[in-house]
Amino acid sequence: MPIYAYLCSQCGFRKDVLQKLSDAPLTQCPHCGAQAFAKQLSAPSFQLKGTGWYATDFKNSGKPPSPAPSSGDAAPAAAPAADAGSSSPAAPAAPAAA
């Protein structure tokens, strides 16, 4: 349930209220009783900062996911060092024509 910030425009009383999305907004100030209690627009409790959290943490890089070792395998087999340099890197893909 979200927490809404309310402010009375008559007396300046402020209150944070935990409400369901389906609850009707409060209109009567609990401090002075005036029908001037209204929701305030406030900043969220978290901010996404940095160089791009989506691109660095969650975005699919185009690589297929590595297969998870099954529970029956004791340890993954190591690739021989001689084969590491024999394969050539793949050529970059050309951009699609529009």
PDB file of N, CA and C in Angstrom:
ATOM      1  N   MET A   1       0.846  -1.178   0.000  1.00  0.00           N
ATOM      2  CA  MET A   1       0.000   0.000   0.000  1.00  0.00           C
ATOM      3  C   MET A   1       0.891   1.240   0.000  1.00  0.00           C
ATOM      4  N   PRO A   2       0.545   2.215  -0.801  1.00  0.00           N
ATOM      5  CA  PRO A   2       1.349   3.437  -0.857  1.00  0.00           C
ATOM      6  C   PRO A   2       1.086   4.361   0.334  1.00  0.00           C
ATOM      7  N   ILE A   3       2.053   5.198   0.582  1.00  0.00           N
ATOM      8  CA  ILE A   3       1.930   6.227   1.616  1.00  0.00           C
ATOM      9  C   ILE A   3       1.740   7.554   0.893  1.00  0.00           C
ATOM     10  N   TYR A   4       0.640   8.240   1.206  1.00  0.00           N
ATOM     11  CA  TYR A   4       0.333   9.521   0.586  1.00  0.00           C
ATOM     12  C   TYR A   4       0.612  10.651   1.568  1.00  0.00           C
ATOM     13  N   ALA A   5       1.157  11.745   1.058  1.00  0.00           N
ATOM     14  CA  ALA A   5       1.389  12.937   1.858  1.00  0.00           C
ATOM     15  C   ALA A   5       0.199  13.870   1.659  1.00  0.00           C
ATOM     16  N   TYR A   6      -0.384  14.335   2.752  1.00  0.00           N
ATOM     17  CA  TYR A   6      -1.518  15.256   2.712  1.00  0.00           C
ATOM     18  C   TYR A   6      -1.116  16.574   3.343  1.00  0.00           C
ATOM     19  N   LEU A   7      -1.749  17.670   2.876  1.00  0.00           N
ATOM     20  CA  LEU A   7      -1.509  19.009   3.405  1.00  0.00           C
ATOM     21  C   LEU A   7      -2.835  19.750   3.471  1.00  0.00           C
ATOM     22  N   CYS A   8      -3.083  20.411   4.600  1.00  0.00           N
ATOM     23  CA  CYS A   8      -4.278  21.245   4.742  1.00  0.00           C
ATOM     24  C   CYS A   8      -3.925  22.653   4.271  1.00  0.00           C
ATOM     25  N   SER A   9      -4.696  23.168   3.334  1.00  0.00           N
ATOM     26  CA  SER A   9      -4.418  24.510   2.814  1.00  0.00           C
ATOM     27  C   SER A   9      -4.911  25.603   3.769  1.00  0.00           C
ATOM     28  N   GLN A  10      -5.712  25.250   4.774  1.00  0.00           N
ATOM     29  CA  GLN A  10      -6.204  26.238   5.744  1.00  0.00           C
ATOM     30  C   GLN A  10      -5.213  26.448   6.895  1.00  0.00           C
ATOM     31  N   CYS A  11      -4.807  25.348   7.543  1.00  0.00           N
ATOM     32  CA  CYS A  11      -3.959  25.482   8.735  1.00  0.00           C
ATOM     33  C   CYS A  11      -2.509  25.041   8.514  1.00  0.00           C
ATOM     34  N   GLY A  12      -2.210  24.396   7.364  1.00  0.00           N
ATOM     35  CA  GLY A  12      -0.845  23.969   7.068  1.00  0.00           C
ATOM     36  C   GLY A  12      -0.461  22.634   7.692  1.00  0.00           C
ATOM     37  N   PHE A  13      -1.423  21.917   8.276  1.00  0.00           N
ATOM     38  CA  PHE A  13      -1.159  20.622   8.899  1.00  0.00           C
ATOM     39  C   PHE A  13      -0.754  19.619   7.829  1.00  0.00           C
ATOM     40  N   ARG A  14       0.311  18.863   8.110  1.00  0.00           N
ATOM     41  CA  ARG A  14       0.800  17.840   7.181  1.00  0.00           C
ATOM     42  C   ARG A  14       0.681  16.475   7.835  1.00  0.00           C
ATOM     43  N   LYS A  15       0.347  15.462   7.009  1.00  0.00           N
ATOM     44  CA  LYS A  15       0.244  14.106   7.533  1.00  0.00           C
ATOM     45  C   LYS A  15       0.503  13.116   6.413  1.00  0.00           C
ATOM     46  N   ASP A  16       1.247  12.044   6.724  1.00  0.00           N
ATOM     47  CA  ASP A  16       1.456  10.933   5.799  1.00  0.00           C
ATOM     48  C   ASP A  16       0.472   9.837   6.172  1.00  0.00           C
ATOM     49  N   VAL A  17      -0.250   9.319   5.162  1.00  0.00           N
ATOM     50  CA  VAL A  17      -1.306   8.341   5.408  1.00  0.00           C
ATOM     51  C   VAL A  17      -1.072   7.110   4.543  1.00  0.00           C
ATOM     52  N   LEU A  18      -1.118   5.929   5.168  1.00  0.00           N
ATOM     53  CA  LEU A  18      -1.016   4.657   4.465  1.00  0.00           C
ATOM     54  C   LEU A  18      -2.415   4.287   3.985  1.00  0.00           C
ATOM     55  N   GLN A  19      -2.614   4.247   2.650  1.00  0.00           N
ATOM     56  CA  GLN A  19      -3.931   3.984   2.077  1.00  0.00           C
ATOM     57  C   GLN A  19      -3.836   2.989   0.940  1.00  0.00           C
ATOM     58  N   LYS A  20      -4.933   2.287   0.701  1.00  0.00           N
ATOM     59  CA  LYS A  20      -5.042   1.433  -0.473  1.00  0.00           C
ATOM     60  C   LYS A  20      -5.239   2.323  -1.692  1.00  0.00           C
ATOM     61  N   LEU A  21      -4.921   1.795  -2.867  1.00  0.00           N
ATOM     62  CA  LEU A  21      -5.159   2.553  -4.098  1.00  0.00           C
ATOM     63  C   LEU A  21      -6.646   2.788  -4.306  1.00  0.00           C
ATOM     64  N   SER A  22      -7.472   1.861  -3.838  1.00  0.00           N
ATOM     65  CA  SER A  22      -8.920   1.965  -4.030  1.00  0.00           C
ATOM     66  C   SER A  22      -9.598   2.863  -2.994  1.00  0.00           C
ATOM     67  N   ASP A  23      -8.896   3.281  -1.931  1.00  0.00           N
ATOM     68  CA  ASP A  23      -9.492   4.152  -0.912  1.00  0.00           C
ATOM     69  C   ASP A  23      -9.734   5.548  -1.473  1.00  0.00           C
ATOM     70  N   ALA A  24     -10.820   6.163  -1.018  1.00  0.00           N
ATOM     71  CA  ALA A  24     -11.121   7.543  -1.419  1.00  0.00           C
ATOM     72  C   ALA A  24     -10.119   8.479  -0.743  1.00  0.00           C
ATOM     73  N   PRO A  25      -9.707   9.551  -1.441  1.00  0.00           N
ATOM     74  CA  PRO A  25      -8.772  10.491  -0.825  1.00  0.00           C
ATOM     75  C   PRO A  25      -9.417  11.209   0.369  1.00  0.00           C
ATOM     76  N   LEU A  26      -8.601  11.526   1.364  1.00  0.00           N
ATOM     77  CA  LEU A  26      -9.098  12.266   2.521  1.00  0.00           C
ATOM     78  C   LEU A  26      -9.338  13.716   2.126  1.00  0.00           C
ATOM     79  N   THR A  27     -10.384  14.328   2.671  1.00  0.00           N
ATOM     80  CA  THR A  27     -10.683  15.726   2.353  1.00  0.00           C
ATOM     81  C   THR A  27     -10.792  16.591   3.598  1.00  0.00           C
ATOM     82  N   GLN A  28     -11.107  15.983   4.752  1.00  0.00           N
ATOM     83  CA  GLN A  28     -11.269  16.749   5.983  1.00  0.00           C
ATOM     84  C   GLN A  28      -9.989  16.699   6.803  1.00  0.00           C
ATOM     85  N   CYS A  29      -9.490  17.865   7.176  1.00  0.00           N
ATOM     86  CA  CYS A  29      -8.267  17.971   7.970  1.00  0.00           C
ATOM     87  C   CYS A  29      -8.528  17.446   9.387  1.00  0.00           C
ATOM     88  N   PRO A  30      -7.700  16.505   9.879  1.00  0.00           N
ATOM     89  CA  PRO A  30      -7.897  15.997  11.236  1.00  0.00           C
ATOM     90  C   PRO A  30      -7.502  17.013  12.322  1.00  0.00           C
ATOM     91  N   HIS A  31      -6.791  18.072  11.939  1.00  0.00           N
ATOM     92  CA  HIS A  31      -6.329  19.073  12.907  1.00  0.00           C
ATOM     93  C   HIS A  31      -7.343  20.198  13.094  1.00  0.00           C
ATOM     94  N   CYS A  32      -7.810  20.789  11.984  1.00  0.00           N
ATOM     95  CA  CYS A  32      -8.726  21.930  12.091  1.00  0.00           C
ATOM     96  C   CYS A  32     -10.150  21.604  11.641  1.00  0.00           C
ATOM     97  N   GLY A  33     -10.359  20.474  10.966  1.00  0.00           N
ATOM     98  CA  GLY A  33     -11.697  20.072  10.536  1.00  0.00           C
ATOM     99  C   GLY A  33     -12.146  20.674   9.215  1.00  0.00           C
ATOM    100  N   ALA A  34     -11.332  21.501   8.588  1.00  0.00           N
ATOM    101  CA  ALA A  34     -11.707  22.132   7.315  1.00  0.00           C
ATOM    102  C   ALA A  34     -11.676  21.105   6.184  1.00  0.00           C
ATOM    103  N   GLN A  35     -12.481  21.345   5.172  1.00  0.00           N
ATOM    104  CA  GLN A  35     -12.507  20.480   3.986  1.00  0.00           C
ATOM    105  C   GLN A  35     -11.426  20.945   3.002  1.00  0.00           C
ATOM    106  N   ALA A  36     -10.205  21.064   3.474  1.00  0.00           N
ATOM    107  CA  ALA A  36      -9.106  21.592   2.665  1.00  0.00           C
ATOM    108  C   ALA A  36      -7.893  20.668   2.694  1.00  0.00           C
ATOM    109  N   PHE A  37      -8.102  19.390   2.984  1.00  0.00           N
ATOM    110  CA  PHE A  37      -7.021  18.408   3.069  1.00  0.00           C
ATOM    111  C   PHE A  37      -6.831  17.806   1.686  1.00  0.00           C
ATOM    112  N   ALA A  38      -5.645  17.879   1.124  1.00  0.00           N
ATOM    113  CA  ALA A  38      -5.408  17.399  -0.241  1.00  0.00           C
ATOM    114  C   ALA A  38      -4.085  16.647  -0.327  1.00  0.00           C
ATOM    115  N   LYS A  39      -4.041  15.683  -1.263  1.00  0.00           N
ATOM    116  CA  LYS A  39      -2.806  14.928  -1.507  1.00  0.00           C
ATOM    117  C   LYS A  39      -1.755  15.848  -2.109  1.00  0.00           C
ATOM    118  N   GLN A  40      -0.518  15.596  -1.730  1.00  0.00           N
ATOM    119  CA  GLN A  40       0.602  16.352  -2.268  1.00  0.00           C
ATOM    120  C   GLN A  40       1.408  15.464  -3.208  1.00  0.00           C
ATOM    121  N   LEU A  41       1.992  16.058  -4.213  1.00  0.00           N
ATOM    122  CA  LEU A  41       2.881  15.347  -5.117  1.00  0.00           C
ATOM    123  C   LEU A  41       4.256  15.320  -4.459  1.00  0.00           C
ATOM    124  N   SER A  42       4.799  14.126  -4.260  1.00  0.00           N
ATOM    125  CA  SER A  42       6.094  14.016  -3.592  1.00  0.00           C
ATOM    126  C   SER A  42       7.008  13.089  -4.375  1.00  0.00           C
ATOM    127  N   ALA A  43       8.299  13.178  -4.085  1.00  0.00           N
ATOM    128  CA  ALA A  43       9.302  12.359  -4.769  1.00  0.00           C
ATOM    129  C   ALA A  43       9.196  10.914  -4.286  1.00  0.00           C
ATOM    130  N   PRO A  44       9.512   9.967  -5.148  1.00  0.00           N
ATOM    131  CA  PRO A  44       9.502   8.568  -4.702  1.00  0.00           C
ATOM    132  C   PRO A  44      10.605   8.323  -3.678  1.00  0.00           C
ATOM    133  N   SER A  45      10.502   7.212  -2.979  1.00  0.00           N
ATOM    134  CA  SER A  45      11.468   6.932  -1.920  1.00  0.00           C
ATOM    135  C   SER A  45      12.774   6.345  -2.439  1.00  0.00           C
ATOM    136  N   PHE A  46      12.897   6.149  -3.754  1.00  0.00           N
ATOM    137  CA  PHE A  46      14.152   5.671  -4.323  1.00  0.00           C
ATOM    138  C   PHE A  46      14.407   6.408  -5.628  1.00  0.00           C
ATOM    139  N   GLN A  47      15.662   6.476  -6.018  1.00  0.00           N
ATOM    140  CA  GLN A  47      16.037   7.135  -7.259  1.00  0.00           C
ATOM    141  C   GLN A  47      16.978   6.227  -8.028  1.00  0.00           C
ATOM    142  N   LEU A  48      16.832   6.219  -9.333  1.00  0.00           N
ATOM    143  CA  LEU A  48      17.700   5.430 -10.201  1.00  0.00           C
ATOM    144  C   LEU A  48      18.745   6.383 -10.770  1.00  0.00           C
ATOM    145  N   LYS A  49      19.976   6.257 -10.305  1.00  0.00           N
ATOM    146  CA  LYS A  49      21.053   7.140 -10.737  1.00  0.00           C
ATOM    147  C   LYS A  49      22.152   6.322 -11.376  1.00  0.00           C
ATOM    148  N   GLY A  50      23.028   6.980 -12.081  1.00  0.00           N
ATOM    149  CA  GLY A  50      24.196   6.307 -12.626  1.00  0.00           C
ATOM    150  C   GLY A  50      24.200   6.298 -14.137  1.00  0.00           C
ATOM    151  N   THR A  51      25.005   5.395 -14.683  1.00  0.00           N
ATOM    152  CA  THR A  51      25.218   5.358 -16.123  1.00  0.00           C
ATOM    153  C   THR A  51      24.164   4.568 -16.860  1.00  0.00           C
ATOM    154  N   GLY A  52      23.236   4.020 -16.189  1.00  0.00           N
ATOM    155  CA  GLY A  52      22.191   3.259 -16.855  1.00  0.00           C
ATOM    156  C   GLY A  52      22.018   1.903 -16.232  1.00  0.00           C
ATOM    157  N   TRP A  53      21.358   1.858 -15.133  1.00  0.00           N
ATOM    158  CA  TRP A  53      21.208   0.596 -14.408  1.00  0.00           C
ATOM    159  C   TRP A  53      20.548  -0.464 -15.259  1.00  0.00           C
ATOM    160  N   TYR A  54      19.624  -0.101 -16.142  1.00  0.00           N
ATOM    161  CA  TYR A  54      18.946  -1.097 -16.975  1.00  0.00           C
ATOM    162  C   TYR A  54      19.939  -1.712 -17.954  1.00  0.00           C
ATOM    163  N   ALA A  55      20.715  -0.871 -18.614  1.00  0.00           N
ATOM    164  CA  ALA A  55      21.645  -1.354 -19.630  1.00  0.00           C
ATOM    165  C   ALA A  55      22.769  -2.184 -19.025  1.00  0.00           C
ATOM    166  N   THR A  56      23.199  -1.842 -17.833  1.00  0.00           N
ATOM    167  CA  THR A  56      24.326  -2.562 -17.246  1.00  0.00           C
ATOM    168  C   THR A  56      23.917  -3.765 -16.413  1.00  0.00           C
ATOM    169  N   ASP A  57      22.731  -3.755 -15.852  1.00  0.00           N
ATOM    170  CA  ASP A  57      22.353  -4.825 -14.935  1.00  0.00           C
ATOM    171  C   ASP A  57      21.303  -5.791 -15.478  1.00  0.00           C
ATOM    172  N   PHE A  58      20.375  -5.320 -16.293  1.00  0.00           N
ATOM    173  CA  PHE A  58      19.252  -6.152 -16.677  1.00  0.00           C
ATOM    174  C   PHE A  58      19.102  -6.374 -18.175  1.00  0.00           C
ATOM    175  N   LYS A  59      19.644  -5.521 -18.981  1.00  0.00           N
ATOM    176  CA  LYS A  59      19.457  -5.618 -20.423  1.00  0.00           C
ATOM    177  C   LYS A  59      20.131  -6.868 -20.971  1.00  0.00           C
ATOM    178  N   ASN A  60      19.465  -7.557 -21.877  1.00  0.00           N
ATOM    179  CA  ASN A  60      20.011  -8.748 -22.518  1.00  0.00           C
ATOM    180  C   ASN A  60      21.112  -8.305 -23.469  1.00  0.00           C
ATOM    181  N   SER A  61      22.303  -8.812 -23.292  1.00  0.00           N
ATOM    182  CA  SER A  61      23.439  -8.388 -24.103  1.00  0.00           C
ATOM    183  C   SER A  61      23.506  -9.103 -25.444  1.00  0.00           C
ATOM    184  N   GLY A  62      22.543  -9.963 -25.745  1.00  0.00           N
ATOM    185  CA  GLY A  62      22.551 -10.690 -27.001  1.00  0.00           C
ATOM    186  C   GLY A  62      23.224 -12.035 -26.895  1.00  0.00           C
ATOM    187  N   LYS A  63      23.881 -12.299 -25.788  1.00  0.00           N
ATOM    188  CA  LYS A  63      24.544 -13.582 -25.585  1.00  0.00           C
ATOM    189  C   LYS A  63      23.525 -14.587 -25.059  1.00  0.00           C
ATOM    190  N   PRO A  64      23.596 -15.813 -25.524  1.00  0.00           N
ATOM    191  CA  PRO A  64      22.691 -16.816 -24.966  1.00  0.00           C
ATOM    192  C   PRO A  64      23.106 -17.127 -23.529  1.00  0.00           C
ATOM    193  N   PRO A  65      22.156 -17.473 -22.681  1.00  0.00           N
ATOM    194  CA  PRO A  65      22.527 -17.778 -21.300  1.00  0.00           C
ATOM    195  C   PRO A  65      23.397 -19.021 -21.232  1.00  0.00           C
ATOM    196  N   SER A  66      24.371 -19.006 -20.345  1.00  0.00           N
ATOM    197  CA  SER A  66      25.255 -20.160 -20.206  1.00  0.00           C
ATOM    198  C   SER A  66      24.482 -21.284 -19.528  1.00  0.00           C
ATOM    199  N   PRO A  67      24.703 -22.510 -19.971  1.00  0.00           N
ATOM    200  CA  PRO A  67      23.966 -23.618 -19.367  1.00  0.00           C
ATOM    201  C   PRO A  67      24.430 -23.848 -17.933  1.00  0.00           C
ATOM    202  N   ALA A  68      23.481 -24.099 -17.064  1.00  0.00           N
ATOM    203  CA  ALA A  68      23.807 -24.360 -15.667  1.00  0.00           C
ATOM    204  C   ALA A  68      24.254 -25.804 -15.530  1.00  0.00           C
ATOM    205  N   PRO A  69      25.294 -26.059 -14.739  1.00  0.00           N
ATOM    206  CA  PRO A  69      25.733 -27.445 -14.557  1.00  0.00           C
ATOM    207  C   PRO A  69      24.656 -28.237 -13.823  1.00  0.00           C
ATOM    208  N   SER A  70      24.475 -29.476 -14.244  1.00  0.00           N
ATOM    209  CA  SER A  70      23.472 -30.311 -13.583  1.00  0.00           C
ATOM    210  C   SER A  70      23.996 -30.745 -12.227  1.00  0.00           C
ATOM    211  N   SER A  71      23.102 -31.181 -11.373  1.00  0.00           N
ATOM    212  CA  SER A  71      23.497 -31.550 -10.015  1.00  0.00           C
ATOM    213  C   SER A  71      24.349 -32.813  -9.991  1.00  0.00           C
ATOM    214  N   GLY A  72      24.346 -33.623 -11.072  1.00  0.00           N
ATOM    215  CA  GLY A  72      25.135 -34.849 -11.121  1.00  0.00           C
ATOM    216  C   GLY A  72      26.593 -34.608 -11.452  1.00  0.00           C
ATOM    217  N   ASP A  73      26.933 -33.452 -12.016  1.00  0.00           N
ATOM    218  CA  ASP A  73      28.321 -33.153 -12.367  1.00  0.00           C
ATOM    219  C   ASP A  73      29.087 -32.736 -11.118  1.00  0.00           C
ATOM    220  N   ALA A  74      30.273 -33.327 -10.937  1.00  0.00           N
ATOM    221  CA  ALA A  74      31.099 -32.977  -9.783  1.00  0.00           C
ATOM    222  C   ALA A  74      31.762 -31.626 -10.005  1.00  0.00           C
ATOM    223  N   ALA A  75      32.332 -31.411 -11.202  1.00  0.00           N
ATOM    224  CA  ALA A  75      32.980 -30.150 -11.531  1.00  0.00           C
ATOM    225  C   ALA A  75      32.933 -29.988 -13.040  1.00  0.00           C
ATOM    226  N   PRO A  76      32.818 -28.755 -13.540  1.00  0.00           N
ATOM    227  CA  PRO A  76      32.814 -28.559 -14.986  1.00  0.00           C
ATOM    228  C   PRO A  76      34.180 -28.882 -15.577  1.00  0.00           C
ATOM    229  N   ALA A  77      34.183 -29.425 -16.774  1.00  0.00           N
ATOM    230  CA  ALA A  77      35.436 -29.776 -17.442  1.00  0.00           C
ATOM    231  C   ALA A  77      36.118 -28.508 -17.926  1.00  0.00           C
ATOM    232  N   ALA A  78      37.437 -28.439 -17.758  1.00  0.00           N
ATOM    233  CA  ALA A  78      38.206 -27.286 -18.198  1.00  0.00           C
ATOM    234  C   ALA A  78      38.606 -27.485 -19.650  1.00  0.00           C
ATOM    235  N   ALA A  79      38.548 -26.414 -20.439  1.00  0.00           N
ATOM    236  CA  ALA A  79      38.934 -26.487 -21.842  1.00  0.00           C
ATOM    237  C   ALA A  79      40.452 -26.487 -21.935  1.00  0.00           C
ATOM    238  N   PRO A  80      41.039 -27.235 -22.870  1.00  0.00           N
ATOM    239  CA  PRO A  80      42.499 -27.230 -23.037  1.00  0.00           C
ATOM    240  C   PRO A  80      42.985 -25.846 -23.449  1.00  0.00           C
ATOM    241  N   ALA A  81      44.158 -25.452 -22.986  1.00  0.00           N
ATOM    242  CA  ALA A  81      44.711 -24.133 -23.266  1.00  0.00           C
ATOM    243  C   ALA A  81      45.081 -23.976 -24.733  1.00  0.00           C
ATOM    244  N   ALA A  82      45.408 -25.058 -25.437  1.00  0.00           N
ATOM    245  CA  ALA A  82      45.809 -24.979 -26.839  1.00  0.00           C
ATOM    246  C   ALA A  82      44.645 -24.556 -27.724  1.00  0.00           C
ATOM    247  N   ASP A  83      43.416 -24.897 -27.370  1.00  0.00           N
ATOM    248  CA  ASP A  83      42.261 -24.547 -28.193  1.00  0.00           C
ATOM    249  C   ASP A  83      41.821 -23.103 -28.006  1.00  0.00           C
ATOM    250  N   ALA A  84      42.267 -22.432 -26.966  1.00  0.00           N
ATOM    251  CA  ALA A  84      41.794 -21.090 -26.655  1.00  0.00           C
ATOM    252  C   ALA A  84      42.161 -20.087 -27.745  1.00  0.00           C
ATOM    253  N   GLY A  85      43.328 -20.188 -28.364  1.00  0.00           N
ATOM    254  CA  GLY A  85      43.747 -19.211 -29.357  1.00  0.00           C
ATOM    255  C   GLY A  85      43.448 -19.626 -30.778  1.00  0.00           C
ATOM    256  N   SER A  86      42.958 -20.833 -31.007  1.00  0.00           N
ATOM    257  CA  SER A  86      42.776 -21.309 -32.369  1.00  0.00           C
ATOM    258  C   SER A  86      41.523 -20.767 -33.039  1.00  0.00           C
ATOM    259  N   SER A  87      40.529 -20.390 -32.287  1.00  0.00           N
ATOM    260  CA  SER A  87      39.301 -19.897 -32.916  1.00  0.00           C
ATOM    261  C   SER A  87      39.417 -18.404 -33.169  1.00  0.00           C
ATOM    262  N   SER A  88      38.852 -17.960 -34.285  1.00  0.00           N
ATOM    263  CA  SER A  88      38.894 -16.538 -34.611  1.00  0.00           C
ATOM    264  C   SER A  88      37.634 -15.876 -34.069  1.00  0.00           C
ATOM    265  N   PRO A  89      37.736 -14.608 -33.661  1.00  0.00           N
ATOM    266  CA  PRO A  89      36.551 -13.920 -33.142  1.00  0.00           C
ATOM    267  C   PRO A  89      35.536 -13.706 -34.257  1.00  0.00           C
ATOM    268  N   ALA A  90      34.283 -13.688 -33.909  1.00  0.00           N
ATOM    269  CA  ALA A  90      33.215 -13.479 -34.885  1.00  0.00           C
ATOM    270  C   ALA A  90      33.232 -12.035 -35.359  1.00  0.00           C
ATOM    271  N   ALA A  91      32.896 -11.834 -36.625  1.00  0.00           N
ATOM    272  CA  ALA A  91      32.840 -10.490 -37.182  1.00  0.00           C
ATOM    273  C   ALA A  91      31.616  -9.776 -36.630  1.00  0.00           C
ATOM    274  N   PRO A  92      31.712  -8.455 -36.386  1.00  0.00           N
ATOM    275  CA  PRO A  92      30.543  -7.730 -35.875  1.00  0.00           C
ATOM    276  C   PRO A  92      29.422  -7.733 -36.917  1.00  0.00           C
ATOM    277  N   ALA A  93      28.215  -7.781 -36.446  1.00  0.00           N
ATOM    278  CA  ALA A  93      27.054  -7.797 -37.332  1.00  0.00           C
ATOM    279  C   ALA A  93      26.852  -6.419 -37.945  1.00  0.00           C
ATOM    280  N   ALA A  94      26.474  -6.394 -39.208  1.00  0.00           N
ATOM    281  CA  ALA A  94      26.208  -5.133 -39.894  1.00  0.00           C
ATOM    282  C   ALA A  94      24.859  -4.600 -39.441  1.00  0.00           C
ATOM    283  N   PRO A  95      24.708  -3.266 -39.327  1.00  0.00           N
ATOM    284  CA  PRO A  95      23.413  -2.710 -38.926  1.00  0.00           C
ATOM    285  C   PRO A  95      22.356  -3.002 -39.995  1.00  0.00           C
ATOM    286  N   ALA A  96      21.146  -3.206 -39.549  1.00  0.00           N
ATOM    287  CA  ALA A  96      20.042  -3.503 -40.464  1.00  0.00           C
ATOM    288  C   ALA A  96      19.691  -2.268 -41.278  1.00  0.00           C
ATOM    289  N   ALA A  97      19.425  -2.470 -42.547  1.00  0.00           N
ATOM    290  CA  ALA A  97      19.048  -1.354 -43.420  1.00  0.00           C
ATOM    291  C   ALA A  97      17.608  -0.959 -43.144  1.00  0.00           C
ATOM    292  N   ALA A  98      17.360   0.335 -43.135  1.00  0.00           N
ATOM    293  CA  ALA A  98      16.000   0.808 -42.833  1.00  0.00           C
ATOM    294  C   ALA A  98      15.206   1.021 -44.085  1.00  0.00           C
TER     295      ALA A  98
END
